[in-house]
Each structure stands twice: as structure tokens, then as C-alpha cells.
């Protein structure tokens, strides 16, 4: 069952799966058993993630400061 729990498809960036073949092994520290192999993102994937996050943050700010967004934002507090 645990082998199905930690299946890694790749890195999800900007709405798409990246499948870099470079990985590192993650182990359970309590018993040393291998849990999974995790993909290592390259510089291009990291830059895309940063750009995507910056764009999302900018759009979120616009939505909060629009009249409807302000009402929703106030409702959170």
C-alpha cells in the first residue's frame, strides 16, 4: 500500500507536468526504507515556477483591490 502512496508523477509548474529525469531518493528516517524518488527541477523549471507565482500574486492583488474583491477580502476578517 505504501508503494502506491508516494508515486511521483513529476513537478507540476504553471499548469503542466514537468518530467525531469534527474531524481533524488527520499527515505523514511525511522527505518531507512526508500519511500520514493523525487524529481530535481532544473533552472528552467524553477524560473518558470517563479514567473508563474509572480504573475498569480499580481493577479490576486488586482482581484482584492477591485470592488468585489474588497468585499470578499473583508469577509475573511
PDB file of N, CA and C in Angstrom:
ATOM      1  N   UNK A   1       0.817  -1.202   0.000  1.00  0.00           N
ATOM      2  CA  UNK A   1       0.000   0.000   0.000  1.00  0.00           C
ATOM      3  C   UNK A   1       0.858   1.263   0.000  1.00  0.00           C
ATOM      4  N   UNK A   2       1.931   1.272   0.795  1.00  0.00           N
ATOM      5  CA  UNK A   2       2.763   2.478   0.870  1.00  0.00           C
ATOM      6  C   UNK A   2       3.455   2.770  -0.455  1.00  0.00           C
ATOM      7  N   UNK A   3       3.718   1.734  -1.263  1.00  0.00           N
ATOM      8  CA  UNK A   3       4.347   1.984  -2.561  1.00  0.00           C
ATOM      9  C   UNK A   3       3.432   2.779  -3.489  1.00  0.00           C
ATOM     10  N   UNK A   4       2.123   2.710  -3.299  1.00  0.00           N
ATOM     11  CA  UNK A   4       1.171   3.489  -4.093  1.00  0.00           C
ATOM     12  C   UNK A   4       1.014   4.909  -3.549  1.00  0.00           C
ATOM     13  N   UNK A   5       1.320   5.106  -2.273  1.00  0.00           N
ATOM     14  CA  UNK A   5       1.137   6.394  -1.625  1.00  0.00           C
ATOM     15  C   UNK A   5       2.124   7.442  -2.124  1.00  0.00           C
ATOM     16  N   UNK A   6       3.332   7.052  -2.436  1.00  0.00           N
ATOM     17  CA  UNK A   6       4.377   8.005  -2.782  1.00  0.00           C
ATOM     18  C   UNK A   6       4.825   7.914  -4.231  1.00  0.00           C
ATOM     19  N   UNK A   7       3.898   7.702  -5.151  1.00  0.00           N
ATOM     20  CA  UNK A   7       4.259   7.709  -6.559  1.00  0.00           C
ATOM     21  C   UNK A   7       4.311   9.150  -7.040  1.00  0.00           C
ATOM     22  N   UNK A   8       5.446   9.554  -7.558  1.00  0.00           N
ATOM     23  CA  UNK A   8       5.659  10.923  -8.006  1.00  0.00           C
ATOM     24  C   UNK A   8       5.560  10.962  -9.527  1.00  0.00           C
ATOM     25  N   UNK A   9       4.671  11.797 -10.042  1.00  0.00           N
ATOM     26  CA  UNK A   9       4.490  11.901 -11.490  1.00  0.00           C
ATOM     27  C   UNK A   9       5.518  12.843 -12.109  1.00  0.00           C
ATOM     28  N   UNK A  10       5.920  13.850 -11.370  1.00  0.00           N
ATOM     29  CA  UNK A  10       6.847  14.854 -11.867  1.00  0.00           C
ATOM     30  C   UNK A  10       6.673  16.121 -11.058  1.00  0.00           C
ATOM     31  N   UNK A  11       7.119  17.223 -11.599  1.00  0.00           N
ATOM     32  CA  UNK A  11       6.963  18.520 -10.950  1.00  0.00           C
ATOM     33  C   UNK A  11       5.859  19.272 -11.685  1.00  0.00           C
ATOM     34  N   UNK A  12       4.881  19.781 -10.940  1.00  0.00           N
ATOM     35  CA  UNK A  12       3.747  20.495 -11.526  1.00  0.00           C
ATOM     36  C   UNK A  12       4.041  21.985 -11.475  1.00  0.00           C
ATOM     37  N   UNK A  13       4.238  22.594 -12.644  1.00  0.00           N
ATOM     38  CA  UNK A  13       4.599  24.010 -12.731  1.00  0.00           C
ATOM     39  C   UNK A  13       3.713  24.682 -13.771  1.00  0.00           C
ATOM     40  N   UNK A  14       3.074  25.762 -13.360  1.00  0.00           N
ATOM     41  CA  UNK A  14       2.296  26.589 -14.274  1.00  0.00           C
ATOM     42  C   UNK A  14       1.263  25.780 -15.067  1.00  0.00           C
ATOM     43  N   UNK A  15       0.610  24.847 -14.383  1.00  0.00           N
ATOM     44  CA  UNK A  15      -0.454  24.082 -15.014  1.00  0.00           C
ATOM     45  C   UNK A  15      -0.008  22.921 -15.889  1.00  0.00           C
ATOM     46  N   UNK A  16       1.262  22.571 -15.818  1.00  0.00           N
ATOM     47  CA  UNK A  16       1.720  21.432 -16.620  1.00  0.00           C
ATOM     48  C   UNK A  16       2.735  20.595 -15.845  1.00  0.00           C
ATOM     49  N   UNK A  17       2.787  19.318 -16.180  1.00  0.00           N
ATOM     50  CA  UNK A  17       3.726  18.410 -15.540  1.00  0.00           C
ATOM     51  C   UNK A  17       5.074  18.478 -16.241  1.00  0.00           C
ATOM     52  N   UNK A  18       6.122  18.648 -15.477  1.00  0.00           N
ATOM     53  CA  UNK A  18       7.494  18.605 -15.971  1.00  0.00           C
ATOM     54  C   UNK A  18       8.069  17.253 -15.560  1.00  0.00           C
ATOM     55  N   UNK A  19       8.748  16.607 -16.431  1.00  0.00           N
ATOM     56  CA  UNK A  19       9.267  15.276 -16.140  1.00  0.00           C
ATOM     57  C   UNK A  19      10.777  15.216 -16.316  1.00  0.00           C
ATOM     58  N   UNK A  20      11.479  15.919 -15.446  1.00  0.00           N
ATOM     59  CA  UNK A  20      12.928  15.891 -15.473  1.00  0.00           C
ATOM     60  C   UNK A  20      13.406  14.510 -15.024  1.00  0.00           C
ATOM     61  N   UNK A  21      14.295  13.883 -15.772  1.00  0.00           N
ATOM     62  CA  UNK A  21      14.737  12.528 -15.419  1.00  0.00           C
ATOM     63  C   UNK A  21      15.657  12.482 -14.187  1.00  0.00           C
ATOM     64  N   UNK A  22      16.219  13.620 -13.775  1.00  0.00           N
ATOM     65  CA  UNK A  22      17.095  13.638 -12.603  1.00  0.00           C
ATOM     66  C   UNK A  22      16.256  13.585 -11.327  1.00  0.00           C
ATOM     67  N   UNK A  23      16.598  12.665 -10.436  1.00  0.00           N
ATOM     68  CA  UNK A  23      15.838  12.482  -9.204  1.00  0.00           C
ATOM     69  C   UNK A  23      16.766  12.291  -8.014  1.00  0.00           C
ATOM     70  N   UNK A  24      16.198  12.428  -6.821  1.00  0.00           N
ATOM     71  CA  UNK A  24      16.910  12.005  -5.616  1.00  0.00           C
ATOM     72  C   UNK A  24      15.981  11.126  -4.798  1.00  0.00           C
ATOM     73  N   UNK A  25      16.584  10.269  -4.037  1.00  0.00           N
ATOM     74  CA  UNK A  25      15.842   9.283  -3.277  1.00  0.00           C
ATOM     75  C   UNK A  25      15.441   9.854  -1.913  1.00  0.00           C
ATOM     76  N   UNK A  26      14.176   9.638  -1.533  1.00  0.00           N
ATOM     77  CA  UNK A  26      13.680  10.039  -0.216  1.00  0.00           C
ATOM     78  C   UNK A  26      13.495   8.771   0.612  1.00  0.00           C
ATOM     79  N   UNK A  27      14.059   8.802   1.810  1.00  0.00           N
ATOM     80  CA  UNK A  27      13.962   7.629   2.677  1.00  0.00           C
ATOM     81  C   UNK A  27      13.227   7.961   3.965  1.00  0.00           C
ATOM     82  N   UNK A  28      12.664   6.941   4.563  1.00  0.00           N
ATOM     83  CA  UNK A  28      11.999   7.058   5.844  1.00  0.00           C
ATOM     84  C   UNK A  28      13.092   7.146   6.911  1.00  0.00           C
ATOM     85  N   UNK A  29      13.176   8.250   7.658  1.00  0.00           N
ATOM     86  CA  UNK A  29      14.260   8.388   8.628  1.00  0.00           C
ATOM     87  C   UNK A  29      14.176   7.410   9.796  1.00  0.00           C
ATOM     88  N   UNK A  30      13.005   6.863  10.047  1.00  0.00           N
ATOM     89  CA  UNK A  30      12.878   5.946  11.174  1.00  0.00           C
ATOM     90  C   UNK A  30      13.412   4.553  10.878  1.00  0.00           C
ATOM     91  N   UNK A  31      13.397   4.157   9.604  1.00  0.00           N
ATOM     92  CA  UNK A  31      13.873   2.802   9.298  1.00  0.00           C
ATOM     93  C   UNK A  31      14.798   2.743   8.082  1.00  0.00           C
ATOM     94  N   UNK A  32      15.016   3.878   7.414  1.00  0.00           N
ATOM     95  CA  UNK A  32      15.925   3.908   6.272  1.00  0.00           C
ATOM     96  C   UNK A  32      15.360   3.337   4.982  1.00  0.00           C
ATOM     97  N   UNK A  33      14.096   2.935   4.973  1.00  0.00           N
ATOM     98  CA  UNK A  33      13.497   2.384   3.758  1.00  0.00           C
ATOM     99  C   UNK A  33      13.228   3.489   2.746  1.00  0.00           C
ATOM    100  N   UNK A  34      13.405   3.155   1.485  1.00  0.00           N
ATOM    101  CA  UNK A  34      13.131   4.093   0.409  1.00  0.00           C
ATOM    102  C   UNK A  34      11.631   4.341   0.304  1.00  0.00           C
ATOM    103  N   UNK A  35      11.245   5.638   0.258  1.00  0.00           N
ATOM    104  CA  UNK A  35       9.844   5.999   0.057  1.00  0.00           C
ATOM    105  C   UNK A  35       9.549   6.273  -1.407  1.00  0.00           C
ATOM    106  N   UNK A  36      10.433   7.064  -2.052  1.00  0.00           N
ATOM    107  CA  UNK A  36      10.201   7.407  -3.443  1.00  0.00           C
ATOM    108  C   UNK A  36      11.415   8.112  -4.017  1.00  0.00           C
ATOM    109  N   UNK A  37      11.382   8.330  -5.312  1.00  0.00           N
ATOM    110  CA  UNK A  37      12.361   9.171  -5.993  1.00  0.00           C
ATOM    111  C   UNK A  37      11.638  10.463  -6.364  1.00  0.00           C
ATOM    112  N   UNK A  38      12.222  11.593  -6.012  1.00  0.00           N
ATOM    113  CA  UNK A  38      11.612  12.894  -6.262  1.00  0.00           C
ATOM    114  C   UNK A  38      12.380  13.593  -7.369  1.00  0.00           C
ATOM    115  N   UNK A  39      11.674  14.171  -8.358  1.00  0.00           N
ATOM    116  CA  UNK A  39      12.371  14.852  -9.442  1.00  0.00           C
ATOM    117  C   UNK A  39      13.113  16.099  -8.951  1.00  0.00           C
ATOM    118  N   UNK A  40      14.241  16.355  -9.556  1.00  0.00           N
ATOM    119  CA  UNK A  40      15.019  17.552  -9.275  1.00  0.00           C
ATOM    120  C   UNK A  40      14.751  18.530 -10.408  1.00  0.00           C
ATOM    121  N   UNK A  41      14.189  19.682 -10.077  1.00  0.00           N
ATOM    122  CA  UNK A  41      13.889  20.684 -11.099  1.00  0.00           C
ATOM    123  C   UNK A  41      15.161  21.348 -11.590  1.00  0.00           C
ATOM    124  N   UNK A  42      15.208  21.599 -12.896  1.00  0.00           N
ATOM    125  CA  UNK A  42      16.349  22.326 -13.445  1.00  0.00           C
ATOM    126  C   UNK A  42      16.072  23.828 -13.375  1.00  0.00           C
ATOM    127  N   UNK A  43      17.039  24.624 -13.761  1.00  0.00           N
ATOM    128  CA  UNK A  43      16.902  26.082 -13.669  1.00  0.00           C
ATOM    129  C   UNK A  43      15.726  26.611 -14.486  1.00  0.00           C
ATOM    130  N   UNK A  44      15.470  26.017 -15.630  1.00  0.00           N
ATOM    131  CA  UNK A  44      14.360  26.457 -16.480  1.00  0.00           C
ATOM    132  C   UNK A  44      13.012  26.239 -15.768  1.00  0.00           C
ATOM    133  N   UNK A  45      12.832  25.088 -15.145  1.00  0.00           N
ATOM    134  CA  UNK A  45      11.598  24.805 -14.411  1.00  0.00           C
ATOM    135  C   UNK A  45      11.441  25.758 -13.229  1.00  0.00           C
ATOM    136  N   UNK A  46      12.532  25.998 -12.521  1.00  0.00           N
ATOM    137  CA  UNK A  46      12.474  26.909 -11.375  1.00  0.00           C
ATOM    138  C   UNK A  46      12.122  28.323 -11.797  1.00  0.00           C
ATOM    139  N   UNK A  47      12.703  28.785 -12.904  1.00  0.00           N
ATOM    140  CA  UNK A  47      12.403  30.128 -13.396  1.00  0.00           C
ATOM    141  C   UNK A  47      10.934  30.228 -13.810  1.00  0.00           C
ATOM    142  N   UNK A  48      10.412  29.199 -14.468  1.00  0.00           N
ATOM    143  CA  UNK A  48       9.005  29.179 -14.851  1.00  0.00           C
ATOM    144  C   UNK A  48       8.112  29.216 -13.611  1.00  0.00           C
ATOM    145  N   UNK A  49       8.482  28.491 -12.566  1.00  0.00           N
ATOM    146  CA  UNK A  49       7.697  28.493 -11.328  1.00  0.00           C
ATOM    147  C   UNK A  49       7.693  29.871 -10.679  1.00  0.00           C
ATOM    148  N   UNK A  50       8.840  30.539 -10.660  1.00  0.00           N
ATOM    149  CA  UNK A  50       8.926  31.868 -10.075  1.00  0.00           C
ATOM    150  C   UNK A  50       8.084  32.859 -10.875  1.00  0.00           C
ATOM    151  N   UNK A  51       8.196  32.817 -12.190  1.00  0.00           N
ATOM    152  CA  UNK A  51       7.414  33.718 -13.042  1.00  0.00           C
ATOM    153  C   UNK A  51       5.913  33.471 -12.874  1.00  0.00           C
ATOM    154  N   UNK A  52       5.526  32.214 -12.798  1.00  0.00           N
ATOM    155  CA  UNK A  52       4.120  31.864 -12.634  1.00  0.00           C
ATOM    156  C   UNK A  52       3.588  32.358 -11.289  1.00  0.00           C
ATOM    157  N   UNK A  53       4.379  32.190 -10.234  1.00  0.00           N
ATOM    158  CA  UNK A  53       3.965  32.656  -8.910  1.00  0.00           C
ATOM    159  C   UNK A  53       3.852  34.176  -8.874  1.00  0.00           C
ATOM    160  N   UNK A  54       4.791  34.866  -9.493  1.00  0.00           N
ATOM    161  CA  UNK A  54       4.755  36.333  -9.526  1.00  0.00           C
ATOM    162  C   UNK A  54       3.513  36.818 -10.273  1.00  0.00           C
ATOM    163  N   UNK A  55       3.195  36.163 -11.377  1.00  0.00           N
ATOM    164  CA  UNK A  55       2.001  36.533 -12.150  1.00  0.00           C
ATOM    165  C   UNK A  55       0.733  36.275 -11.337  1.00  0.00           C
ATOM    166  N   UNK A  56       0.670  35.144 -10.654  1.00  0.00           N
ATOM    167  CA  UNK A  56      -0.503  34.818  -9.840  1.00  0.00           C
ATOM    168  C   UNK A  56      -0.652  35.810  -8.694  1.00  0.00           C
ATOM    169  N   UNK A  57       0.456  36.177  -8.076  1.00  0.00           N
ATOM    170  CA  UNK A  57       0.409  37.136  -6.974  1.00  0.00           C
ATOM    171  C   UNK A  57      -0.079  38.504  -7.462  1.00  0.00           C
ATOM    172  N   UNK A  58       0.397  38.919  -8.617  1.00  0.00           N
ATOM    173  CA  UNK A  58      -0.022  40.197  -9.191  1.00  0.00           C
ATOM    174  C   UNK A  58      -1.527  40.176  -9.485  1.00  0.00           C
ATOM    175  N   UNK A  59      -2.012  39.084 -10.066  1.00  0.00           N
ATOM    176  CA  UNK A  59      -3.441  38.965 -10.380  1.00  0.00           C
ATOM    177  C   UNK A  59      -4.288  38.903  -9.113  1.00  0.00           C
ATOM    178  N   UNK A  60      -3.781  38.255  -8.074  1.00  0.00           N
ATOM    179  CA  UNK A  60      -4.508  38.184  -6.809  1.00  0.00           C
ATOM    180  C   UNK A  60      -4.666  39.582  -6.226  1.00  0.00           C
ATOM    181  N   UNK A  61      -3.610  40.373  -6.294  1.00  0.00           N
ATOM    182  CA  UNK A  61      -3.675  41.741  -5.794  1.00  0.00           C
ATOM    183  C   UNK A  61      -4.724  42.555  -6.524  1.00  0.00           C
ATOM    184  N   UNK A  62      -4.815  42.384  -7.824  1.00  0.00           N
ATOM    185  CA  UNK A  62      -5.829  43.099  -8.605  1.00  0.00           C
ATOM    186  C   UNK A  62      -7.228  42.698  -8.164  1.00  0.00           C
ATOM    187  N   UNK A  63      -7.428  41.413  -7.938  1.00  0.00           N
ATOM    188  CA  UNK A  63      -8.750  40.933  -7.554  1.00  0.00           C
ATOM    189  C   UNK A  63      -9.147  41.447  -6.172  1.00  0.00           C
ATOM    190  N   UNK A  64      -8.190  41.542  -5.260  1.00  0.00           N
ATOM    191  CA  UNK A  64      -8.503  42.009  -3.910  1.00  0.00           C
ATOM    192  C   UNK A  64      -8.907  43.475  -3.922  1.00  0.00           C
ATOM    193  N   UNK A  65      -8.251  44.266  -4.774  1.00  0.00           N
ATOM    194  CA  UNK A  65      -8.493  45.694  -4.743  1.00  0.00           C
ATOM    195  C   UNK A  65      -9.603  46.157  -5.683  1.00  0.00           C
ATOM    196  N   UNK A  66     -10.184  45.242  -6.427  1.00  0.00           N
ATOM    197  CA  UNK A  66     -11.376  45.573  -7.198  1.00  0.00           C
ATOM    198  C   UNK A  66     -12.563  45.578  -6.238  1.00  0.00           C
ATOM    199  N   UNK A  67     -13.641  46.315  -6.531  1.00  0.00           N
ATOM    200  CA  UNK A  67     -14.767  46.410  -5.581  1.00  0.00           C
ATOM    201  C   UNK A  67     -15.279  45.070  -5.061  1.00  0.00           C
ATOM    202  N   UNK A  68     -15.491  44.107  -5.946  1.00  0.00           N
ATOM    203  CA  UNK A  68     -15.978  42.800  -5.484  1.00  0.00           C
ATOM    204  C   UNK A  68     -14.943  42.092  -4.630  1.00  0.00           C
ATOM    205  N   UNK A  69     -13.690  42.207  -5.032  1.00  0.00           N
ATOM    206  CA  UNK A  69     -12.620  41.566  -4.277  1.00  0.00           C
ATOM    207  C   UNK A  69     -12.472  42.142  -2.885  1.00  0.00           C
ATOM    208  N   UNK A  70     -12.678  43.440  -2.735  1.00  0.00           N
ATOM    209  CA  UNK A  70     -12.578  44.080  -1.420  1.00  0.00           C
ATOM    210  C   UNK A  70     -13.638  43.520  -0.479  1.00  0.00           C
ATOM    211  N   UNK A  71     -14.844  43.330  -0.989  1.00  0.00           N
ATOM    212  CA  UNK A  71     -15.902  42.755  -0.142  1.00  0.00           C
ATOM    213  C   UNK A  71     -15.527  41.338   0.291  1.00  0.00           C
ATOM    214  N   UNK A  72     -15.007  40.554  -0.633  1.00  0.00           N
ATOM    215  CA  UNK A  72     -14.604  39.186  -0.304  1.00  0.00           C
ATOM    216  C   UNK A  72     -13.444  39.181   0.674  1.00  0.00           C
ATOM    217  N   UNK A  73     -12.500  40.076   0.475  1.00  0.00           N
ATOM    218  CA  UNK A  73     -11.323  40.150   1.341  1.00  0.00           C
ATOM    219  C   UNK A  73     -11.744  40.541   2.759  1.00  0.00           C
ATOM    220  N   UNK A  74     -12.657  41.517   2.885  1.00  0.00           N
ATOM    221  CA  UNK A  74     -13.143  41.930   4.202  1.00  0.00           C
ATOM    222  C   UNK A  74     -13.885  40.800   4.887  1.00  0.00           C
ATOM    223  N   UNK A  75     -14.559  39.974   4.135  1.00  0.00           N
ATOM    224  CA  UNK A  75     -15.310  38.863   4.717  1.00  0.00           C
ATOM    225  C   UNK A  75     -14.381  37.851   5.382  1.00  0.00           C
ATOM    226  N   UNK A  76     -13.132  37.829   4.981  1.00  0.00           N
ATOM    227  CA  UNK A  76     -12.175  36.904   5.586  1.00  0.00           C
ATOM    228  C   UNK A  76     -11.812  37.319   7.001  1.00  0.00           C
ATOM    229  N   UNK A  77     -11.986  38.598   7.320  1.00  0.00           N
ATOM    230  CA  UNK A  77     -11.539  39.099   8.625  1.00  0.00           C
ATOM    231  C   UNK A  77     -12.673  39.492   9.491  1.00  0.00           C
TER     232      UNK A  77
END
